[in-house]
Amino acid sequence: MLYRRLVFSLLLAAAVGPSSPAAAEEFTFDLEEFDKKSLEWGGYAELRWDHTEINQNSAFALLDSHRDPRSCLDRFTATLQLDGNFNKGAVSFNWKAQAYARQDQEQWADNADIFAAYASIKPTPLATLDLGKKVFKWGKGYAWNPVGFIDRPKDPNNPEEGLEGYIGAGLDLIKSLSGPLQTVALTTVALPVWRDVNGDFGEGDNVNLAAKLYLLYRDVDIDLLCFTGNSRSTRYGLDFSTNLATNFEIHAELAHIPNQSQRFLTADGSIETRTLSDTSYLLGLRYLTESDITTIIEYYHNDDGYTEDEQDRFFRLVADADSLYTATGDDSLYTKAASMSQGAYGQSQSGRNYLYTRLTKKEPFDLLYFTPGLTAIVNLDDGSYSLSPEAVYTGFTNWEMRLRFSLLGGSSFTEYGEKQNENKLELRCRYFF
C-alpha cells in the first residue's frame, strides 16, 4: 500500500509541478528548440464516468453477484499517466507509470503501477541493450496478437491503451543491406520468473528465452518469432505486413504451440485437463478512403479457445448452480463454476472464431475536431456480438473527450449473451501534457 501511495504521489507532483505562465509569453522561433532534449516527458490526466446496465440473468453476472444482485453500476475513475525518457550519450532511461482511483456503489479501489522502466544502452548504431521492465509489442494485429508471446493481451475494445510490460533483458542487433533484402534485425530477450519478478507470467523459478528475427524484404515487413522456457510452453510464430497501395495495408500473424495444457468441462460435467497442439492466426487489413474513412477489419482464429458446445456446458453449469442456490442455498456449484471461469471460460475471448471491424470518419460534414467511430466484435461461432458507437472531440488544445455506448447482444448460452454487462455508457475526458 505504501508503494502504491508513493508512486501516486510522485506522479501527481510531476504532473502539477511543471505548470507555469510560460504559455502566455509571446511567440518566438528558436532553432535550438528543435534539438533533441536530454529529458522529455508527458502523459495525461483523465476523468471517466461509466454507467453499466447489468444483464442480471447472465452467467457472469450470477457468478459475480448472485448473493447481492444489482441492476446497474455507476463508476467514477480518475487516472494519471506519466511517461518519458532521459538521454545521456549512448544511454537512455524510459518510463511509463499509471495511477488510478475508482469509486462505484460497491467499493473504492486505487492502484499505482510502473508499466515500463528500462535503460537502453546503444554502444553502436548496430546494437541496443535493454534492461528493465518493457512492453515489446510483438505482432502486427490491431485488436489481437497471437504472436505476442512476451506481451500482455490487448483489450480489443481499447487496443491502443498502454499495457504493463515484463522485466527482462533484451538485445537488438540490426544490419542494413543492399538488394531486395534491405534490413535484418535480431531481438533476443531473457525473461525471468521469480517470486517477486514477473510472477503472473507463468511457472516460477525459471528464466525464459524469446527471439524475433525481423526482415524487410522489398516492401514487406516479416517477423519470425519463438519462445522457450519452463514458465510457459514452447511456441513459434510468423507475421507480416505490407502496403498494397498508399492507403491500403494488409497484415497477418500465425502462432503455433505444440503442447498446451487446457482445463475443460466434459459432457458429464467433470473437470479434466487436456494437452493440445494449437495453431492460432489473424488476417487483417487497414484501408483509408479519399473521404477520410478508416476501416480496420481482422479475422481471428483462437485455437486456444473453446468450441461452441464446450462454452454451452459452462453456461449450463452456471444455470444449474443458480437453480441449486435458489432452491437450497447451496453454492457449491457456483464455486466449481468460478474455478473454471478463472483463466479458462472467463477469458476476454474464450471462443474460437472472431471478426473485428472498426470504422472511423474524420470531421464528417465539416465538423472540425470531431471523429465518430463504430467498433464491432462478433463471435462467428454462436453469432453473439459487441457493438460500440463512439464520438471523439478534440477541439480544445490538449483535450480529448470521448462518448461511447457499448451494446452486447446474443441469445442464451452464447458468449456475449452471457457477459456481465448488457450495455455500457462511457464519458471520458482526457488532458494531455
Protein backbone atom coordinates (compact mmCIF):
# COMPACT_ATOMS: atom_id res chain seq x y z
CA MET A 1 0.00 0.00 0.00
CA LEU A 2 2.87 2.39 0.86
CA TYR A 3 4.42 1.65 -2.56
CA ARG A 4 1.18 2.49 -4.36
CA ARG A 5 0.73 5.76 -2.45
CA LEU A 6 4.33 6.75 -3.13
CA VAL A 7 4.00 6.14 -6.88
CA PHE A 8 0.70 8.04 -6.98
CA SER A 9 2.23 11.00 -5.11
CA LEU A 10 5.24 11.13 -7.43
CA LEU A 11 3.02 11.05 -10.50
CA LEU A 12 0.80 13.82 -9.18
CA ALA A 13 3.77 16.02 -8.24
CA ALA A 14 5.38 15.53 -11.65
CA ALA A 15 2.16 16.36 -13.47
CA VAL A 16 1.39 19.51 -11.47
CA GLY A 17 4.92 20.78 -10.90
CA PRO A 18 5.91 21.95 -14.40
CA SER A 19 2.86 24.23 -14.88
CA SER A 20 3.87 27.85 -15.34
CA PRO A 21 2.76 31.05 -17.10
CA ALA A 22 5.19 30.31 -19.95
CA ALA A 23 2.26 29.61 -22.26
CA ALA A 24 1.32 33.30 -22.07
CA GLU A 25 4.67 34.51 -23.46
CA GLU A 26 4.91 35.97 -26.94
CA PHE A 27 5.61 33.62 -29.83
CA THR A 28 9.31 33.13 -30.60
CA PHE A 29 11.15 30.97 -33.09
CA ASP A 30 14.38 29.34 -31.96
CA LEU A 31 16.09 26.58 -33.92
CA GLU A 32 17.58 25.23 -30.69
CA GLU A 33 14.07 24.30 -29.57
CA PHE A 34 14.06 21.62 -32.23
CA ASP A 35 17.18 19.94 -30.88
CA LYS A 36 16.60 16.66 -29.09
CA LYS A 37 16.34 17.33 -25.37
CA SER A 38 18.01 15.21 -22.72
CA LEU A 39 14.76 14.99 -20.75
CA GLU A 40 11.37 14.59 -22.39
CA TRP A 41 8.19 13.70 -20.57
CA GLY A 42 4.44 13.85 -20.87
CA GLY A 43 1.31 11.94 -20.09
CA TYR A 44 -2.33 12.57 -19.38
CA ALA A 45 -4.87 13.11 -16.61
CA GLU A 46 -8.26 11.54 -17.13
CA LEU A 47 -11.72 11.57 -15.60
CA ARG A 48 -14.15 8.87 -16.68
CA TRP A 49 -17.75 8.06 -15.83
CA ASP A 50 -19.30 4.70 -16.71
CA HIS A 51 -22.94 3.69 -16.42
CA THR A 52 -23.43 -0.04 -16.86
CA GLU A 53 -26.68 -1.93 -17.18
CA ILE A 54 -26.20 -5.41 -15.71
CA ASN A 55 -27.52 -8.48 -17.52
CA GLN A 56 -28.77 -9.94 -14.24
CA ASN A 57 -29.61 -13.40 -15.57
CA SER A 58 -26.33 -13.85 -17.43
CA ALA A 59 -23.75 -16.41 -16.35
CA PHE A 60 -21.04 -13.92 -15.41
CA ALA A 61 -23.42 -11.60 -13.56
CA LEU A 62 -24.63 -14.55 -11.48
CA LEU A 63 -21.06 -15.65 -10.79
CA ASP A 64 -20.10 -12.15 -9.68
CA SER A 65 -23.10 -11.19 -7.57
CA HIS A 66 -25.64 -14.00 -7.12
CA ARG A 67 -25.81 -13.18 -3.40
CA ASP A 68 -26.31 -9.44 -3.94
CA PRO A 69 -27.70 -8.84 -7.45
CA ARG A 70 -27.56 -5.36 -8.94
CA SER A 71 -29.35 -3.92 -11.98
CA CYS A 72 -26.82 -1.18 -12.80
CA LEU A 73 -23.48 0.23 -11.75
CA ASP A 74 -22.14 3.80 -11.88
CA ARG A 75 -18.40 4.17 -11.67
CA PHE A 76 -16.15 7.25 -11.49
CA THR A 77 -12.45 6.84 -12.24
CA ALA A 78 -9.57 9.33 -12.08
CA THR A 79 -6.35 8.27 -13.83
CA LEU A 80 -2.93 9.83 -14.11
CA GLN A 81 -0.30 8.51 -16.51
CA LEU A 82 3.25 9.78 -16.81
CA ASP A 83 5.79 8.70 -19.40
CA GLY A 84 9.09 9.99 -20.67
CA ASN A 85 12.77 9.37 -21.30
CA PHE A 86 16.14 10.74 -20.28
CA ASN A 87 19.03 10.56 -22.76
CA LYS A 88 22.69 10.87 -21.94
CA GLY A 89 25.08 9.86 -24.67
CA ALA A 90 24.63 6.20 -25.56
CA VAL A 91 22.30 5.57 -22.60
CA SER A 92 18.63 6.40 -22.25
CA PHE A 93 16.15 5.67 -19.48
CA ASN A 94 12.50 5.23 -20.41
CA TRP A 95 9.47 5.01 -18.16
CA LYS A 96 5.70 4.87 -18.03
CA ALA A 97 3.70 4.87 -14.79
CA GLN A 98 -0.02 4.97 -14.10
CA ALA A 99 -2.15 5.50 -11.03
CA TYR A 100 -5.91 5.47 -10.68
CA ALA A 101 -8.64 5.86 -8.07
CA ARG A 102 -12.11 4.43 -8.65
CA GLN A 103 -15.44 4.64 -6.83
CA ASP A 104 -18.76 2.89 -7.52
CA GLN A 105 -21.75 1.72 -5.49
CA GLU A 106 -19.87 -1.37 -4.35
CA GLN A 107 -16.38 -0.23 -3.40
CA TRP A 108 -13.48 2.21 -3.56
CA ALA A 109 -10.33 1.00 -5.34
CA ASP A 110 -6.98 2.57 -6.09
CA ASN A 111 -3.75 1.35 -7.59
CA ALA A 112 -0.40 2.59 -8.86
CA ASP A 113 1.87 0.66 -11.19
CA ILE A 114 5.07 1.08 -13.13
CA PHE A 115 4.11 -0.03 -16.66
CA ALA A 116 7.65 0.38 -18.02
CA ALA A 117 11.03 1.37 -16.60
CA TYR A 118 14.08 0.31 -18.53
CA ALA A 119 17.50 1.51 -19.61
CA SER A 120 18.59 1.34 -23.25
CA ILE A 121 22.31 1.18 -23.94
CA LYS A 122 23.42 1.76 -27.53
CA PRO A 123 27.19 1.34 -27.81
CA THR A 124 27.00 1.28 -31.65
CA PRO A 125 24.24 2.05 -34.18
CA LEU A 126 24.04 -1.70 -34.83
CA ALA A 127 23.30 -2.87 -31.25
CA THR A 128 20.98 -1.90 -28.39
CA LEU A 129 20.73 -3.49 -24.95
CA ASP A 130 17.51 -3.01 -22.94
CA LEU A 131 17.44 -3.76 -19.21
CA GLY A 132 14.33 -3.46 -17.07
CA LYS A 133 10.55 -3.52 -17.47
CA LYS A 134 9.40 -3.09 -21.07
CA VAL A 135 6.47 -3.68 -23.43
CA PHE A 136 7.84 -5.40 -26.54
CA LYS A 137 4.77 -5.06 -28.83
CA TRP A 138 5.33 -8.17 -30.91
CA GLY A 139 2.84 -8.76 -33.71
CA LYS A 140 1.13 -6.80 -36.48
CA GLY A 141 -2.51 -7.17 -35.42
CA TYR A 142 -4.59 -4.23 -34.19
CA ALA A 143 -7.06 -5.93 -31.83
CA TRP A 144 -5.23 -9.21 -31.13
CA ASN A 145 -1.66 -10.51 -31.30
CA PRO A 146 -1.37 -14.32 -31.39
CA VAL A 147 2.43 -13.94 -31.60
CA GLY A 148 2.68 -11.57 -28.62
CA PHE A 149 4.45 -14.29 -26.65
CA ILE A 150 6.01 -11.93 -24.07
CA ASP A 151 3.34 -9.20 -24.02
CA ARG A 152 0.12 -8.98 -22.07
CA PRO A 153 -3.03 -9.41 -24.17
CA LYS A 154 -4.73 -6.30 -25.52
CA ASP A 155 -8.28 -5.25 -24.75
CA PRO A 156 -9.94 -5.37 -28.22
CA ASN A 157 -12.31 -2.59 -27.14
CA ASN A 158 -9.33 -0.32 -26.33
CA PRO A 159 -6.36 -1.82 -28.20
CA GLU A 160 -4.36 1.43 -28.25
CA GLU A 161 -4.26 1.82 -24.46
CA GLY A 162 -0.91 1.33 -22.75
CA LEU A 163 -0.08 -2.09 -21.35
CA GLU A 164 2.13 -3.15 -18.47
CA GLY A 165 5.40 -4.76 -19.51
CA TYR A 166 7.56 -7.53 -18.08
CA ILE A 167 11.01 -7.32 -16.50
CA GLY A 168 13.79 -8.74 -18.65
CA ALA A 169 16.93 -8.14 -20.67
CA GLY A 170 16.79 -7.67 -24.43
CA LEU A 171 19.46 -7.32 -27.10
CA ASP A 172 18.73 -5.85 -30.55
CA LEU A 173 21.14 -6.28 -33.45
CA ILE A 174 20.37 -4.61 -36.77
CA LYS A 175 22.04 -4.62 -40.18
CA SER A 176 21.14 -2.72 -43.35
CA LEU A 177 21.78 -4.41 -46.69
CA SER A 178 21.66 -3.58 -50.36
CA GLY A 179 19.31 -5.52 -52.59
CA PRO A 180 15.76 -6.82 -52.15
CA LEU A 181 16.51 -7.80 -48.53
CA GLN A 182 17.02 -4.32 -47.11
CA THR A 183 17.17 -4.86 -43.35
CA VAL A 184 17.84 -7.73 -40.95
CA ALA A 185 17.33 -7.35 -37.19
CA LEU A 186 17.54 -9.87 -34.37
CA THR A 187 15.92 -9.32 -30.96
CA THR A 188 16.68 -11.72 -28.11
CA VAL A 189 15.04 -11.48 -24.69
CA ALA A 190 15.75 -13.20 -21.37
CA LEU A 191 12.66 -13.07 -19.15
CA PRO A 192 12.99 -14.38 -15.55
CA VAL A 193 10.05 -15.52 -13.44
CA TRP A 194 10.70 -15.50 -9.71
CA ARG A 195 8.60 -14.84 -6.65
CA ASP A 196 8.58 -11.03 -6.96
CA VAL A 197 9.59 -10.78 -10.62
CA ASN A 198 7.04 -11.39 -13.40
CA GLY A 199 5.06 -13.57 -11.04
CA ASP A 200 1.94 -13.53 -13.24
CA PHE A 201 3.78 -14.66 -16.39
CA GLY A 202 3.79 -18.37 -15.56
CA GLU A 203 5.57 -21.02 -13.50
CA GLY A 204 8.18 -19.55 -11.17
CA ASP A 205 11.90 -20.13 -10.66
CA ASN A 206 12.66 -20.10 -14.38
CA VAL A 207 14.48 -17.98 -16.93
CA ASN A 208 12.73 -17.95 -20.31
CA LEU A 209 14.15 -17.04 -23.70
CA ALA A 210 12.42 -15.39 -26.67
CA ALA A 211 13.71 -14.27 -30.05
CA LYS A 212 12.42 -12.33 -33.04
CA LEU A 213 14.10 -12.15 -36.45
CA TYR A 214 12.90 -9.15 -38.46
CA LEU A 215 13.30 -8.97 -42.24
CA LEU A 216 12.44 -6.07 -44.53
CA TYR A 217 12.18 -7.74 -47.93
CA ARG A 218 11.27 -5.24 -50.64
CA ASP A 219 8.22 -3.56 -49.06
CA VAL A 220 7.20 -6.45 -46.80
CA ASP A 221 7.84 -6.48 -43.03
CA ILE A 222 8.36 -10.05 -41.83
CA ASP A 223 8.94 -11.42 -38.31
CA LEU A 224 9.97 -14.94 -37.32
CA LEU A 225 9.42 -15.49 -33.58
CA CYS A 226 9.95 -18.15 -30.97
CA PHE A 227 9.68 -18.59 -27.20
CA THR A 228 11.01 -21.35 -24.97
CA GLY A 229 11.15 -21.85 -21.23
CA ASN A 230 9.55 -23.66 -18.34
CA SER A 231 7.19 -20.83 -17.31
CA ARG A 232 5.11 -21.36 -20.45
CA SER A 233 5.20 -23.97 -23.17
CA THR A 234 7.41 -23.52 -26.25
CA ARG A 235 5.79 -21.65 -29.14
CA TYR A 236 6.64 -20.39 -32.63
CA GLY A 237 5.29 -17.52 -34.69
CA LEU A 238 5.30 -15.73 -38.02
CA ASP A 239 3.83 -12.38 -39.02
CA PHE A 240 3.99 -9.93 -41.92
CA SER A 241 2.57 -6.63 -43.09
CA THR A 242 2.77 -4.72 -46.36
CA ASN A 243 1.09 -1.90 -48.23
CA LEU A 244 -0.73 -2.92 -51.40
CA ALA A 245 -1.26 0.80 -52.03
CA THR A 246 -0.52 4.04 -50.19
CA ASN A 247 -3.82 3.80 -48.32
CA PHE A 248 -4.26 0.00 -48.18
CA GLU A 249 -2.33 -2.22 -45.77
CA ILE A 250 -2.68 -5.93 -45.05
CA HIS A 251 -1.22 -7.94 -42.18
CA ALA A 252 -1.27 -11.45 -40.74
CA GLU A 253 0.00 -13.46 -37.78
CA LEU A 254 0.41 -17.20 -37.19
CA ALA A 255 1.29 -18.80 -33.83
CA HIS A 256 1.86 -22.50 -33.15
CA ILE A 257 2.07 -24.08 -29.68
CA PRO A 258 3.00 -27.78 -29.93
CA ASN A 259 1.95 -28.62 -26.35
CA GLN A 260 -0.61 -26.58 -24.47
CA SER A 261 -2.48 -27.68 -21.32
CA GLN A 262 -6.11 -26.65 -21.01
CA ARG A 263 -8.81 -27.29 -18.42
CA PHE A 264 -12.28 -28.05 -19.76
CA LEU A 265 -15.69 -29.39 -18.79
CA THR A 266 -16.58 -32.81 -20.14
CA ALA A 267 -20.04 -33.80 -21.32
CA ASP A 268 -20.84 -35.32 -17.90
CA GLY A 269 -19.79 -32.10 -16.11
CA SER A 270 -16.46 -33.25 -14.71
CA ILE A 271 -13.28 -31.13 -14.93
CA GLU A 272 -10.35 -32.52 -16.89
CA THR A 273 -7.06 -31.26 -18.32
CA ARG A 274 -6.04 -31.99 -21.90
CA THR A 275 -2.91 -31.36 -23.92
CA LEU A 276 -3.44 -29.63 -27.25
CA SER A 277 -1.37 -28.70 -30.27
CA ASP A 278 -2.68 -25.22 -31.04
CA THR A 279 -2.37 -23.07 -34.14
CA SER A 280 -3.91 -19.59 -33.91
CA TYR A 281 -3.85 -16.96 -36.64
CA LEU A 282 -5.05 -13.50 -37.61
CA LEU A 283 -5.75 -11.91 -41.00
CA GLY A 284 -6.35 -8.18 -41.25
CA LEU A 285 -6.45 -5.05 -43.35
CA ARG A 286 -6.50 -1.30 -42.88
CA TYR A 287 -7.93 0.94 -45.60
CA LEU A 288 -8.23 4.74 -45.78
CA THR A 289 -10.67 6.18 -48.31
CA GLU A 290 -10.37 9.55 -50.05
CA SER A 291 -13.16 10.82 -47.79
CA ASP A 292 -11.09 10.06 -44.65
CA ILE A 293 -12.91 6.91 -43.57
CA THR A 294 -10.53 4.47 -41.90
CA THR A 295 -11.56 0.81 -41.92
CA ILE A 296 -9.84 -1.91 -39.90
CA ILE A 297 -11.03 -5.50 -40.34
CA GLU A 298 -9.48 -8.54 -38.66
CA TYR A 299 -10.41 -12.20 -38.56
CA TYR A 300 -9.01 -14.07 -35.56
CA HIS A 301 -8.96 -17.83 -35.11
CA ASN A 302 -8.18 -18.64 -31.49
CA ASP A 303 -7.17 -22.29 -31.27
CA ASP A 304 -6.74 -21.89 -27.51
CA GLY A 305 -10.45 -21.14 -27.19
CA TYR A 306 -13.40 -23.41 -26.51
CA THR A 307 -15.85 -24.78 -29.03
CA GLU A 308 -19.46 -23.66 -29.01
CA ASP A 309 -20.52 -26.91 -27.31
CA GLU A 310 -17.83 -26.54 -24.63
CA GLN A 311 -18.92 -23.00 -23.85
CA ASP A 312 -22.53 -24.18 -23.70
CA ARG A 313 -21.55 -26.71 -20.99
CA PHE A 314 -20.06 -23.94 -18.86
CA PHE A 315 -23.11 -21.68 -19.18
CA ARG A 316 -25.40 -24.60 -18.28
CA LEU A 317 -23.23 -25.28 -15.24
CA VAL A 318 -23.85 -21.72 -14.03
CA ALA A 319 -27.59 -22.08 -14.73
CA ASP A 320 -27.62 -25.29 -12.67
CA ALA A 321 -25.66 -23.53 -9.92
CA ASP A 322 -28.28 -20.76 -9.80
CA SER A 323 -31.14 -23.26 -9.62
CA LEU A 324 -29.45 -25.15 -6.78
CA TYR A 325 -28.63 -21.96 -4.87
CA THR A 326 -32.16 -20.58 -5.26
CA ALA A 327 -33.76 -23.83 -4.09
CA THR A 328 -31.41 -24.80 -1.25
CA GLY A 329 -28.89 -22.02 -0.59
CA ASP A 330 -26.08 -24.40 -1.59
CA ASP A 331 -23.48 -22.56 -3.68
CA SER A 332 -21.06 -25.46 -4.24
CA LEU A 333 -21.76 -25.46 -7.99
CA TYR A 334 -21.04 -21.73 -8.05
CA THR A 335 -17.64 -22.49 -6.51
CA LYS A 336 -16.98 -25.05 -9.23
CA ALA A 337 -18.06 -22.66 -11.99
CA ALA A 338 -15.94 -19.84 -10.54
CA SER A 339 -12.84 -22.06 -10.61
CA MET A 340 -13.48 -22.85 -14.28
CA SER A 341 -14.02 -19.18 -15.08
CA GLN A 342 -10.58 -18.10 -13.87
CA GLY A 343 -8.05 -18.38 -16.67
CA ALA A 344 -10.39 -20.53 -18.77
CA TYR A 345 -14.01 -19.82 -19.70
CA GLY A 346 -13.80 -16.31 -18.24
CA GLN A 347 -11.15 -15.06 -20.66
CA SER A 348 -11.90 -11.98 -22.74
CA GLN A 349 -12.32 -14.01 -25.95
CA SER A 350 -12.85 -17.61 -24.88
CA GLY A 351 -14.31 -18.83 -28.20
CA ARG A 352 -12.67 -19.92 -31.43
CA ASN A 353 -13.51 -17.51 -34.28
CA TYR A 354 -13.97 -13.75 -34.22
CA LEU A 355 -14.47 -10.87 -36.63
CA TYR A 356 -13.33 -7.39 -35.62
CA THR A 357 -14.39 -4.28 -37.55
CA ARG A 358 -13.64 -0.66 -36.73
CA LEU A 359 -14.77 2.35 -38.79
CA THR A 360 -13.82 5.98 -38.08
CA LYS A 361 -14.66 9.09 -40.08
CA LYS A 362 -12.60 12.26 -39.66
CA GLU A 363 -14.58 15.52 -39.45
CA PRO A 364 -17.82 14.49 -41.23
CA PHE A 365 -19.95 17.32 -42.66
CA ASP A 366 -17.02 19.69 -41.98
CA LEU A 367 -17.46 19.36 -38.21
CA LEU A 368 -13.95 20.31 -37.12
CA TYR A 369 -12.14 18.20 -34.50
CA PHE A 370 -14.97 15.66 -34.47
CA THR A 371 -14.41 11.96 -35.22
CA PRO A 372 -17.25 9.43 -34.94
CA GLY A 373 -16.50 5.74 -34.94
CA LEU A 374 -18.01 2.29 -34.69
CA THR A 375 -16.41 -0.91 -33.35
CA ALA A 376 -17.96 -4.36 -33.73
CA ILE A 377 -16.70 -7.71 -32.40
CA VAL A 378 -18.62 -10.81 -33.48
CA ASN A 379 -18.24 -14.37 -32.25
CA LEU A 380 -18.65 -16.14 -35.56
CA ASP A 381 -19.49 -19.50 -33.95
CA ASP A 382 -22.50 -18.51 -31.85
CA GLY A 383 -23.46 -15.20 -33.52
CA SER A 384 -23.20 -13.07 -30.37
CA TYR A 385 -21.62 -9.62 -30.63
CA SER A 386 -20.44 -6.38 -29.09
CA LEU A 387 -21.33 -3.12 -30.88
CA SER A 388 -19.79 0.19 -29.78
CA PRO A 389 -20.54 3.53 -31.48
CA GLU A 390 -18.49 6.47 -30.25
CA ALA A 391 -17.77 10.16 -30.80
CA VAL A 392 -14.42 11.86 -30.11
CA TYR A 393 -13.94 15.64 -29.91
CA THR A 394 -10.51 17.34 -29.76
CA GLY A 395 -11.45 20.98 -30.30
CA PHE A 396 -9.77 22.23 -27.13
CA THR A 397 -5.97 22.32 -27.00
CA ASN A 398 -4.54 19.18 -25.37
CA TRP A 399 -8.01 17.88 -24.52
CA GLU A 400 -9.81 14.80 -25.81
CA MET A 401 -13.42 13.95 -24.98
CA ARG A 402 -14.94 10.62 -25.92
CA LEU A 403 -18.54 9.43 -25.58
CA ARG A 404 -19.05 5.71 -26.21
CA PHE A 405 -22.00 3.36 -25.94
CA SER A 406 -21.45 -0.41 -25.94
CA LEU A 407 -24.26 -2.87 -26.62
CA LEU A 408 -23.80 -6.61 -26.10
CA GLY A 409 -26.17 -9.00 -27.81
CA GLY A 410 -26.75 -12.70 -28.19
CA SER A 411 -29.12 -15.46 -27.20
CA SER A 412 -28.85 -17.52 -24.03
CA PHE A 413 -25.73 -19.68 -23.68
CA THR A 414 -23.72 -17.56 -26.16
CA GLU A 415 -20.55 -15.68 -25.26
CA TYR A 416 -21.78 -12.07 -25.41
CA GLY A 417 -25.29 -13.06 -24.38
CA GLU A 418 -23.83 -14.32 -21.09
CA LYS A 419 -21.46 -11.42 -20.39
CA GLN A 420 -22.00 -9.50 -17.16
CA ASN A 421 -22.85 -6.23 -18.94
CA GLU A 422 -25.92 -5.72 -21.09
CA ASN A 423 -24.86 -2.26 -22.22
CA LYS A 424 -22.49 0.47 -21.08
CA LEU A 425 -22.34 4.26 -21.50
CA GLU A 426 -18.92 5.87 -21.03
CA LEU A 427 -17.86 9.52 -20.95
CA ARG A 428 -14.11 10.12 -20.88
CA CYS A 429 -12.28 13.46 -20.62
CA ARG A 430 -8.52 13.29 -21.04
CA TYR A 431 -5.98 16.13 -20.76
CA PHE A 432 -2.56 15.57 -22.36
CA PHE A 433 0.52 17.37 -21.08
